Amino acid sequence: MKQYHVEILDEAINELEGFVDYIAEDSVINALNWYERVKKAIFTLDKMPERHSIADENPVFPFELRCLLVEDYRVLYRINGDTVEVLHVKHPRMNR
């Protein structure tokens, strides 16, 4: 089975940090637990990243955009050779 390198790009890191900060306003423990669950799910993309569906936003991108669902959050990524690039992490209340 092919192994991919998973890279979380700066924009996605900023979005993750924003969600952690927001959740931490109510509970630091919940924020850290949420972050660990999302991070763990993201790093499962090292194997068979094409198993997740094409994102609704795909038609507006010049590459294939895929979507990993983690709880209520959408992790948007692309496969670029042997690398999975995580581009965004979105909450359902955010515009697509």
PDB file of N, CA and C in Angstrom:
ATOM      1  N   MET A   1       0.841  -1.177   0.000  1.00  0.00           N
ATOM      2  CA  MET A   1       0.000   0.000   0.000  1.00  0.00           C
ATOM      3  C   MET A   1       0.886   1.241   0.000  1.00  0.00           C
ATOM      4  N   LYS A   2       0.557   2.161  -0.901  1.00  0.00           N
ATOM      5  CA  LYS A   2       1.343   3.386  -1.028  1.00  0.00           C
ATOM      6  C   LYS A   2       1.182   4.259   0.208  1.00  0.00           C
ATOM      7  N   GLN A   3       2.276   4.832   0.656  1.00  0.00           N
ATOM      8  CA  GLN A   3       2.290   5.732   1.813  1.00  0.00           C
ATOM      9  C   GLN A   3       2.500   7.158   1.309  1.00  0.00           C
ATOM     10  N   TYR A   4       1.696   8.089   1.798  1.00  0.00           N
ATOM     11  CA  TYR A   4       1.795   9.494   1.430  1.00  0.00           C
ATOM     12  C   TYR A   4       2.354  10.299   2.592  1.00  0.00           C
ATOM     13  N   HIS A   5       2.988  11.392   2.259  1.00  0.00           N
ATOM     14  CA  HIS A   5       3.418  12.374   3.260  1.00  0.00           C
ATOM     15  C   HIS A   5       2.259  13.356   3.423  1.00  0.00           C
ATOM     16  N   VAL A   6       1.849  13.636   4.651  1.00  0.00           N
ATOM     17  CA  VAL A   6       0.759  14.577   4.913  1.00  0.00           C
ATOM     18  C   VAL A   6       1.356  15.896   5.390  1.00  0.00           C
ATOM     19  N   GLU A   7       0.986  16.969   4.705  1.00  0.00           N
ATOM     20  CA  GLU A   7       1.473  18.301   5.041  1.00  0.00           C
ATOM     21  C   GLU A   7       0.273  19.219   5.278  1.00  0.00           C
ATOM     22  N   ILE A   8       0.234  19.855   6.428  1.00  0.00           N
ATOM     23  CA  ILE A   8      -0.825  20.811   6.737  1.00  0.00           C
ATOM     24  C   ILE A   8      -0.283  22.196   6.406  1.00  0.00           C
ATOM     25  N   LEU A   9      -0.881  22.825   5.405  1.00  0.00           N
ATOM     26  CA  LEU A   9      -0.389  24.123   4.942  1.00  0.00           C
ATOM     27  C   LEU A   9      -0.789  25.241   5.915  1.00  0.00           C
ATOM     28  N   ASP A  10      -0.101  26.371   5.794  1.00  0.00           N
ATOM     29  CA  ASP A  10      -0.247  27.474   6.749  1.00  0.00           C
ATOM     30  C   ASP A  10      -1.692  27.916   6.955  1.00  0.00           C
ATOM     31  N   GLU A  11      -2.451  28.052   5.881  1.00  0.00           N
ATOM     32  CA  GLU A  11      -3.845  28.504   6.008  1.00  0.00           C
ATOM     33  C   GLU A  11      -4.655  27.536   6.864  1.00  0.00           C
ATOM     34  N   ALA A  12      -4.473  26.249   6.660  1.00  0.00           N
ATOM     35  CA  ALA A  12      -5.186  25.248   7.455  1.00  0.00           C
ATOM     36  C   ALA A  12      -4.729  25.288   8.914  1.00  0.00           C
ATOM     37  N   ILE A  13      -3.441  25.495   9.131  1.00  0.00           N
ATOM     38  CA  ILE A  13      -2.931  25.619  10.511  1.00  0.00           C
ATOM     39  C   ILE A  13      -3.585  26.817  11.195  1.00  0.00           C
ATOM     40  N   ASN A  14      -3.678  27.936  10.497  1.00  0.00           N
ATOM     41  CA  ASN A  14      -4.311  29.125  11.059  1.00  0.00           C
ATOM     42  C   ASN A  14      -5.775  28.862  11.392  1.00  0.00           C
ATOM     43  N   GLU A  15      -6.465  28.150  10.514  1.00  0.00           N
ATOM     44  CA  GLU A  15      -7.870  27.833  10.765  1.00  0.00           C
ATOM     45  C   GLU A  15      -8.009  26.907  11.971  1.00  0.00           C
ATOM     46  N   LEU A  16      -7.153  25.892  12.054  1.00  0.00           N
ATOM     47  CA  LEU A  16      -7.172  24.989  13.214  1.00  0.00           C
ATOM     48  C   LEU A  16      -6.940  25.766  14.503  1.00  0.00           C
ATOM     49  N   GLU A  17      -5.945  26.632  14.501  1.00  0.00           N
ATOM     50  CA  GLU A  17      -5.644  27.429  15.695  1.00  0.00           C
ATOM     51  C   GLU A  17      -6.821  28.319  16.085  1.00  0.00           C
ATOM     52  N   GLY A  18      -7.503  28.873  15.090  1.00  0.00           N
ATOM     53  CA  GLY A  18      -8.669  29.705  15.360  1.00  0.00           C
ATOM     54  C   GLY A  18      -9.783  28.910  16.029  1.00  0.00           C
ATOM     55  N   PHE A  19     -10.026  27.690  15.553  1.00  0.00           N
ATOM     56  CA  PHE A  19     -11.050  26.847  16.167  1.00  0.00           C
ATOM     57  C   PHE A  19     -10.658  26.451  17.582  1.00  0.00           C
ATOM     58  N   VAL A  20      -9.379  26.132  17.774  1.00  0.00           N
ATOM     59  CA  VAL A  20      -8.903  25.780  19.118  1.00  0.00           C
ATOM     60  C   VAL A  20      -9.103  26.961  20.071  1.00  0.00           C
ATOM     61  N   ASP A  21      -8.734  28.145  19.637  1.00  0.00           N
ATOM     62  CA  ASP A  21      -8.914  29.333  20.477  1.00  0.00           C
ATOM     63  C   ASP A  21     -10.388  29.551  20.824  1.00  0.00           C
ATOM     64  N   TYR A  22     -11.247  29.379  19.835  1.00  0.00           N
ATOM     65  CA  TYR A  22     -12.682  29.582  20.050  1.00  0.00           C
ATOM     66  C   TYR A  22     -13.239  28.574  21.048  1.00  0.00           C
ATOM     67  N   ILE A  23     -12.910  27.299  20.857  1.00  0.00           N
ATOM     68  CA  ILE A  23     -13.389  26.245  21.760  1.00  0.00           C
ATOM     69  C   ILE A  23     -12.816  26.441  23.156  1.00  0.00           C
ATOM     70  N   ALA A  24     -11.563  26.888  23.236  1.00  0.00           N
ATOM     71  CA  ALA A  24     -10.889  27.075  24.527  1.00  0.00           C
ATOM     72  C   ALA A  24     -11.531  28.177  25.370  1.00  0.00           C
ATOM     73  N   GLU A  25     -12.277  29.062  24.734  1.00  0.00           N
ATOM     74  CA  GLU A  25     -12.976  30.094  25.506  1.00  0.00           C
ATOM     75  C   GLU A  25     -13.943  29.461  26.506  1.00  0.00           C
ATOM     76  N   ASP A  26     -14.482  28.296  26.145  1.00  0.00           N
ATOM     77  CA  ASP A  26     -15.380  27.560  27.050  1.00  0.00           C
ATOM     78  C   ASP A  26     -14.647  26.485  27.833  1.00  0.00           C
ATOM     79  N   SER A  27     -13.692  25.804  27.155  1.00  0.00           N
ATOM     80  CA  SER A  27     -13.001  24.700  27.820  1.00  0.00           C
ATOM     81  C   SER A  27     -11.689  24.398  27.106  1.00  0.00           C
ATOM     82  N   VAL A  28     -10.603  24.596  27.820  1.00  0.00           N
ATOM     83  CA  VAL A  28      -9.284  24.288  27.255  1.00  0.00           C
ATOM     84  C   VAL A  28      -9.165  22.789  26.994  1.00  0.00           C
ATOM     85  N   ILE A  29      -9.670  21.988  27.892  1.00  0.00           N
ATOM     86  CA  ILE A  29      -9.597  20.529  27.728  1.00  0.00           C
ATOM     87  C   ILE A  29     -10.357  20.097  26.473  1.00  0.00           C
ATOM     88  N   ASN A  30     -11.561  20.632  26.276  1.00  0.00           N
ATOM     89  CA  ASN A  30     -12.324  20.294  25.071  1.00  0.00           C
ATOM     90  C   ASN A  30     -11.592  20.739  23.811  1.00  0.00           C
ATOM     91  N   ALA A  31     -10.970  21.912  23.872  1.00  0.00           N
ATOM     92  CA  ALA A  31     -10.225  22.414  22.715  1.00  0.00           C
ATOM     93  C   ALA A  31      -9.062  21.485  22.368  1.00  0.00           C
ATOM     94  N   LEU A  32      -8.316  21.082  23.369  1.00  0.00           N
ATOM     95  CA  LEU A  32      -7.176  20.191  23.125  1.00  0.00           C
ATOM     96  C   LEU A  32      -7.624  18.820  22.645  1.00  0.00           C
ATOM     97  N   ASN A  33      -8.701  18.302  23.207  1.00  0.00           N
ATOM     98  CA  ASN A  33      -9.232  17.006  22.764  1.00  0.00           C
ATOM     99  C   ASN A  33      -9.721  17.077  21.320  1.00  0.00           C
ATOM    100  N   TRP A  34     -10.420  18.173  20.997  1.00  0.00           N
ATOM    101  CA  TRP A  34     -10.893  18.358  19.623  1.00  0.00           C
ATOM    102  C   TRP A  34      -9.710  18.397  18.661  1.00  0.00           C
ATOM    103  N   TYR A  35      -8.698  19.173  19.007  1.00  0.00           N
ATOM    104  CA  TYR A  35      -7.517  19.297  18.157  1.00  0.00           C
ATOM    105  C   TYR A  35      -6.856  17.939  17.933  1.00  0.00           C
ATOM    106  N   GLU A  36      -6.730  17.151  18.974  1.00  0.00           N
ATOM    107  CA  GLU A  36      -6.108  15.830  18.845  1.00  0.00           C
ATOM    108  C   GLU A  36      -6.926  14.914  17.940  1.00  0.00           C
ATOM    109  N   ARG A  37      -8.258  14.971  18.045  1.00  0.00           N
ATOM    110  CA  ARG A  37      -9.114  14.140  17.181  1.00  0.00           C
ATOM    111  C   ARG A  37      -8.977  14.546  15.717  1.00  0.00           C
ATOM    112  N   VAL A  38      -8.963  15.844  15.468  1.00  0.00           N
ATOM    113  CA  VAL A  38      -8.841  16.323  14.091  1.00  0.00           C
ATOM    114  C   VAL A  38      -7.464  15.973  13.530  1.00  0.00           C
ATOM    115  N   LYS A  39      -6.432  16.219  14.315  1.00  0.00           N
ATOM    116  CA  LYS A  39      -5.061  15.918  13.862  1.00  0.00           C
ATOM    117  C   LYS A  39      -4.911  14.423  13.559  1.00  0.00           C
ATOM    118  N   LYS A  40      -5.445  13.583  14.420  1.00  0.00           N
ATOM    119  CA  LYS A  40      -5.369  12.140  14.205  1.00  0.00           C
ATOM    120  C   LYS A  40      -6.075  11.755  12.908  1.00  0.00           C
ATOM    121  N   ALA A  41      -7.248  12.330  12.671  1.00  0.00           N
ATOM    122  CA  ALA A  41      -7.982  12.037  11.437  1.00  0.00           C
ATOM    123  C   ALA A  41      -7.209  12.511  10.212  1.00  0.00           C
ATOM    124  N   ILE A  42      -6.630  13.706  10.293  1.00  0.00           N
ATOM    125  CA  ILE A  42      -5.864  14.234   9.163  1.00  0.00           C
ATOM    126  C   ILE A  42      -4.712  13.306   8.807  1.00  0.00           C
ATOM    127  N   PHE A  43      -4.008  12.805   9.803  1.00  0.00           N
ATOM    128  CA  PHE A  43      -2.838  11.981   9.500  1.00  0.00           C
ATOM    129  C   PHE A  43      -3.191  10.572   9.038  1.00  0.00           C
ATOM    130  N   THR A  44      -4.504  10.215   9.057  1.00  0.00           N
ATOM    131  CA  THR A  44      -4.908   8.954   8.418  1.00  0.00           C
ATOM    132  C   THR A  44      -4.877   9.087   6.895  1.00  0.00           C
ATOM    133  N   LEU A  45      -4.743  10.323   6.408  1.00  0.00           N
ATOM    134  CA  LEU A  45      -4.670  10.538   4.967  1.00  0.00           C
ATOM    135  C   LEU A  45      -3.367  10.033   4.372  1.00  0.00           C
ATOM    136  N   ASP A  46      -2.465   9.549   5.218  1.00  0.00           N
ATOM    137  CA  ASP A  46      -1.207   9.000   4.704  1.00  0.00           C
ATOM    138  C   ASP A  46      -1.427   7.697   3.948  1.00  0.00           C
ATOM    139  N   LYS A  47      -2.594   7.095   4.131  1.00  0.00           N
ATOM    140  CA  LYS A  47      -2.945   5.860   3.412  1.00  0.00           C
ATOM    141  C   LYS A  47      -4.288   6.063   2.716  1.00  0.00           C
ATOM    142  N   MET A  48      -4.320   5.777   1.454  1.00  0.00           N
ATOM    143  CA  MET A  48      -5.534   5.828   0.637  1.00  0.00           C
ATOM    144  C   MET A  48      -6.304   7.157   0.758  1.00  0.00           C
ATOM    145  N   PRO A  49      -5.675   8.282   0.517  1.00  0.00           N
ATOM    146  CA  PRO A  49      -6.385   9.556   0.635  1.00  0.00           C
ATOM    147  C   PRO A  49      -7.501   9.718  -0.391  1.00  0.00           C
ATOM    148  N   GLU A  50      -7.460   8.936  -1.465  1.00  0.00           N
ATOM    149  CA  GLU A  50      -8.495   9.048  -2.481  1.00  0.00           C
ATOM    150  C   GLU A  50      -9.806   8.386  -2.058  1.00  0.00           C
ATOM    151  N   ARG A  51      -9.839   7.789  -0.851  1.00  0.00           N
ATOM    152  CA  ARG A  51     -11.060   7.134  -0.359  1.00  0.00           C
ATOM    153  C   ARG A  51     -12.144   8.132   0.026  1.00  0.00           C
ATOM    154  N   HIS A  52     -11.774   9.388   0.201  1.00  0.00           N
ATOM    155  CA  HIS A  52     -12.748  10.417   0.571  1.00  0.00           C
ATOM    156  C   HIS A  52     -13.283  11.094  -0.687  1.00  0.00           C
ATOM    157  N   SER A  53     -14.466  11.659  -0.552  1.00  0.00           N
ATOM    158  CA  SER A  53     -15.175  12.196  -1.712  1.00  0.00           C
ATOM    159  C   SER A  53     -14.548  13.496  -2.232  1.00  0.00           C
ATOM    160  N   ILE A  54     -14.907  13.780  -3.466  1.00  0.00           N
ATOM    161  CA  ILE A  54     -14.539  15.047  -4.086  1.00  0.00           C
ATOM    162  C   ILE A  54     -15.344  16.142  -3.379  1.00  0.00           C
ATOM    163  N   ALA A  55     -14.706  17.257  -3.060  1.00  0.00           N
ATOM    164  CA  ALA A  55     -15.364  18.363  -2.363  1.00  0.00           C
ATOM    165  C   ALA A  55     -16.330  19.090  -3.293  1.00  0.00           C
ATOM    166  N   ASP A  56     -17.376  19.657  -2.710  1.00  0.00           N
ATOM    167  CA  ASP A  56     -18.347  20.438  -3.485  1.00  0.00           C
ATOM    168  C   ASP A  56     -17.680  21.585  -4.231  1.00  0.00           C
ATOM    169  N   GLU A  57     -16.623  22.145  -3.659  1.00  0.00           N
ATOM    170  CA  GLU A  57     -15.915  23.282  -4.249  1.00  0.00           C
ATOM    171  C   GLU A  57     -15.004  22.889  -5.412  1.00  0.00           C
ATOM    172  N   ASN A  58     -14.872  21.622  -5.677  1.00  0.00           N
ATOM    173  CA  ASN A  58     -13.917  21.126  -6.673  1.00  0.00           C
ATOM    174  C   ASN A  58     -13.969  21.865  -8.015  1.00  0.00           C
ATOM    175  N   PRO A  59     -15.147  22.173  -8.567  1.00  0.00           N
ATOM    176  CA  PRO A  59     -15.172  22.811  -9.900  1.00  0.00           C
ATOM    177  C   PRO A  59     -14.437  24.145  -9.993  1.00  0.00           C
ATOM    178  N   VAL A  60     -14.223  24.836  -8.889  1.00  0.00           N
ATOM    179  CA  VAL A  60     -13.565  26.146  -8.962  1.00  0.00           C
ATOM    180  C   VAL A  60     -12.055  26.060  -8.768  1.00  0.00           C
ATOM    181  N   PHE A  61     -11.529  24.853  -8.616  1.00  0.00           N
ATOM    182  CA  PHE A  61     -10.090  24.682  -8.419  1.00  0.00           C
ATOM    183  C   PHE A  61      -9.465  24.024  -9.646  1.00  0.00           C
ATOM    184  N   PRO A  62      -8.213  24.368  -9.938  1.00  0.00           N
ATOM    185  CA  PRO A  62      -7.527  23.770 -11.090  1.00  0.00           C
ATOM    186  C   PRO A  62      -6.939  22.384 -10.784  1.00  0.00           C
ATOM    187  N   PHE A  63      -7.302  21.821  -9.622  1.00  0.00           N
ATOM    188  CA  PHE A  63      -6.833  20.503  -9.223  1.00  0.00           C
ATOM    189  C   PHE A  63      -7.986  19.799  -8.519  1.00  0.00           C
ATOM    190  N   GLU A  64      -7.831  18.519  -8.271  1.00  0.00           N
ATOM    191  CA  GLU A  64      -8.880  17.753  -7.601  1.00  0.00           C
ATOM    192  C   GLU A  64      -8.859  18.043  -6.103  1.00  0.00           C
ATOM    193  N   LEU A  65      -9.967  18.543  -5.591  1.00  0.00           N
ATOM    194  CA  LEU A  65     -10.099  18.886  -4.178  1.00  0.00           C
ATOM    195  C   LEU A  65     -10.962  17.827  -3.504  1.00  0.00           C
ATOM    196  N   ARG A  66     -10.466  17.287  -2.410  1.00  0.00           N
ATOM    197  CA  ARG A  66     -11.186  16.238  -1.678  1.00  0.00           C
ATOM    198  C   ARG A  66     -11.555  16.734  -0.288  1.00  0.00           C
ATOM    199  N   CYS A  67     -12.488  16.005   0.338  1.00  0.00           N
ATOM    200  CA  CYS A  67     -13.022  16.429   1.620  1.00  0.00           C
ATOM    201  C   CYS A  67     -13.049  15.262   2.609  1.00  0.00           C
ATOM    202  N   LEU A  68     -12.421  15.460   3.740  1.00  0.00           N
ATOM    203  CA  LEU A  68     -12.459  14.527   4.871  1.00  0.00           C
ATOM    204  C   LEU A  68     -13.375  15.146   5.920  1.00  0.00           C
ATOM    205  N   LEU A  69     -14.399  14.417   6.346  1.00  0.00           N
ATOM    206  CA  LEU A  69     -15.298  14.900   7.386  1.00  0.00           C
ATOM    207  C   LEU A  69     -14.799  14.434   8.743  1.00  0.00           C
ATOM    208  N   VAL A  70     -14.660  15.385   9.662  1.00  0.00           N
ATOM    209  CA  VAL A  70     -14.260  15.090  11.038  1.00  0.00           C
ATOM    210  C   VAL A  70     -15.277  15.800  11.928  1.00  0.00           C
ATOM    211  N   GLU A  71     -16.164  15.004  12.514  1.00  0.00           N
ATOM    212  CA  GLU A  71     -17.266  15.571  13.283  1.00  0.00           C
ATOM    213  C   GLU A  71     -18.014  16.538  12.379  1.00  0.00           C
ATOM    214  N   ASP A  72     -18.178  17.787  12.789  1.00  0.00           N
ATOM    215  CA  ASP A  72     -18.877  18.769  11.952  1.00  0.00           C
ATOM    216  C   ASP A  72     -17.948  19.531  11.015  1.00  0.00           C
ATOM    217  N   TYR A  73     -16.687  19.220  11.027  1.00  0.00           N
ATOM    218  CA  TYR A  73     -15.698  19.994  10.290  1.00  0.00           C
ATOM    219  C   TYR A  73     -15.313  19.291   8.998  1.00  0.00           C
ATOM    220  N   ARG A  74     -14.977  20.109   8.005  1.00  0.00           N
ATOM    221  CA  ARG A  74     -14.560  19.606   6.698  1.00  0.00           C
ATOM    222  C   ARG A  74     -13.080  19.928   6.507  1.00  0.00           C
ATOM    223  N   VAL A  75     -12.291  18.915   6.261  1.00  0.00           N
ATOM    224  CA  VAL A  75     -10.868  19.082   5.977  1.00  0.00           C
ATOM    225  C   VAL A  75     -10.722  18.978   4.464  1.00  0.00           C
ATOM    226  N   LEU A  76     -10.324  20.065   3.835  1.00  0.00           N
ATOM    227  CA  LEU A  76     -10.171  20.107   2.383  1.00  0.00           C
ATOM    228  C   LEU A  76      -8.704  19.899   2.029  1.00  0.00           C
ATOM    229  N   TYR A  77      -8.473  18.987   1.097  1.00  0.00           N
ATOM    230  CA  TYR A  77      -7.094  18.645   0.756  1.00  0.00           C
ATOM    231  C   TYR A  77      -6.976  18.247  -0.703  1.00  0.00           C
ATOM    232  N   ARG A  78      -5.747  18.223  -1.148  1.00  0.00           N
ATOM    233  CA  ARG A  78      -5.459  17.711  -2.486  1.00  0.00           C
ATOM    234  C   ARG A  78      -4.305  16.721  -2.401  1.00  0.00           C
ATOM    235  N   ILE A  79      -4.268  15.845  -3.366  1.00  0.00           N
ATOM    236  CA  ILE A  79      -3.178  14.887  -3.492  1.00  0.00           C
ATOM    237  C   ILE A  79      -2.256  15.435  -4.570  1.00  0.00           C
ATOM    238  N   ASN A  80      -1.008  15.666  -4.181  1.00  0.00           N
ATOM    239  CA  ASN A  80      -0.025  16.246  -5.089  1.00  0.00           C
ATOM    240  C   ASN A  80       1.176  15.309  -5.122  1.00  0.00           C
ATOM    241  N   GLY A  81       1.159  14.375  -6.057  1.00  0.00           N
ATOM    242  CA  GLY A  81       2.217  13.365  -6.122  1.00  0.00           C
ATOM    243  C   GLY A  81       2.140  12.449  -4.922  1.00  0.00           C
ATOM    244  N   ASP A  82       3.216  12.388  -4.156  1.00  0.00           N
ATOM    245  CA  ASP A  82       3.272  11.543  -2.956  1.00  0.00           C
ATOM    246  C   ASP A  82       2.906  12.313  -1.686  1.00  0.00           C
ATOM    247  N   THR A  83       2.369  13.522  -1.851  1.00  0.00           N
ATOM    248  CA  THR A  83       2.046  14.372  -0.711  1.00  0.00           C
ATOM    249  C   THR A  83       0.560  14.689  -0.689  1.00  0.00           C
ATOM    250  N   VAL A  84      -0.024  14.626   0.490  1.00  0.00           N
ATOM    251  CA  VAL A  84      -1.383  15.108   0.717  1.00  0.00           C
ATOM    252  C   VAL A  84      -1.241  16.475   1.362  1.00  0.00           C
ATOM    253  N   GLU A  85      -1.773  17.486   0.698  1.00  0.00           N
ATOM    254  CA  GLU A  85      -1.686  18.854   1.194  1.00  0.00           C
ATOM    255  C   GLU A  85      -3.040  19.268   1.772  1.00  0.00           C
ATOM    256  N   VAL A  86      -3.075  19.484   3.070  1.00  0.00           N
ATOM    257  CA  VAL A  86      -4.296  19.943   3.724  1.00  0.00           C
ATOM    258  C   VAL A  86      -4.349  21.454   3.532  1.00  0.00           C
ATOM    259  N   LEU A  87      -5.387  21.916   2.836  1.00  0.00           N
ATOM    260  CA  LEU A  87      -5.494  23.317   2.448  1.00  0.00           C
ATOM    261  C   LEU A  87      -6.348  24.131   3.415  1.00  0.00           C
ATOM    262  N   HIS A  88      -7.450  23.540   3.885  1.00  0.00           N
ATOM    263  CA  HIS A  88      -8.392  24.276   4.736  1.00  0.00           C
ATOM    264  C   HIS A  88      -9.075  23.332   5.711  1.00  0.00           C
ATOM    265  N   VAL A  89      -9.512  23.901   6.824  1.00  0.00           N
ATOM    266  CA  VAL A  89     -10.399  23.224   7.759  1.00  0.00           C
ATOM    267  C   VAL A  89     -11.575  24.167   7.964  1.00  0.00           C
ATOM    268  N   LYS A  90     -12.779  23.687   7.636  1.00  0.00           N
ATOM    269  CA  LYS A  90     -13.967  24.547   7.634  1.00  0.00           C
ATOM    270  C   LYS A  90     -15.050  24.000   8.565  1.00  0.00           C
ATOM    271  N   HIS A  91     -15.750  24.906   9.189  1.00  0.00           N
ATOM    272  CA  HIS A  91     -16.923  24.564   9.990  1.00  0.00           C
ATOM    273  C   HIS A  91     -18.147  24.715   9.089  1.00  0.00           C
ATOM    274  N   PRO A  92     -19.222  23.953   9.327  1.00  0.00           N
ATOM    275  CA  PRO A  92     -20.383  24.030   8.425  1.00  0.00           C
ATOM    276  C   PRO A  92     -21.039  25.407   8.381  1.00  0.00           C
ATOM    277  N   ARG A  93     -20.828  26.243   9.360  1.00  0.00           N
ATOM    278  CA  ARG A  93     -21.415  27.595   9.335  1.00  0.00           C
ATOM    279  C   ARG A  93     -20.623  28.539   8.436  1.00  0.00           C
ATOM    280  N   MET A  94     -19.465  28.089   7.976  1.00  0.00           N
ATOM    281  CA  MET A  94     -18.649  28.923   7.088  1.00  0.00           C
ATOM    282  C   MET A  94     -19.121  28.722   5.654  1.00  0.00           C
ATOM    283  N   ASN A  95     -19.077  29.773   4.862  1.00  0.00           N
ATOM    284  CA  ASN A  95     -19.439  29.672   3.458  1.00  0.00           C
ATOM    285  C   ASN A  95     -18.487  28.751   2.729  1.00  0.00           C
ATOM    286  N   ARG A  96     -19.015  28.022   1.769  1.00  0.00           N
ATOM    287  CA  ARG A  96     -18.188  27.131   0.958  1.00  0.00           C
ATOM    288  C   ARG A  96     -17.553  27.899  -0.158  1.00  0.00           C
TER     289      ARG A  96
END
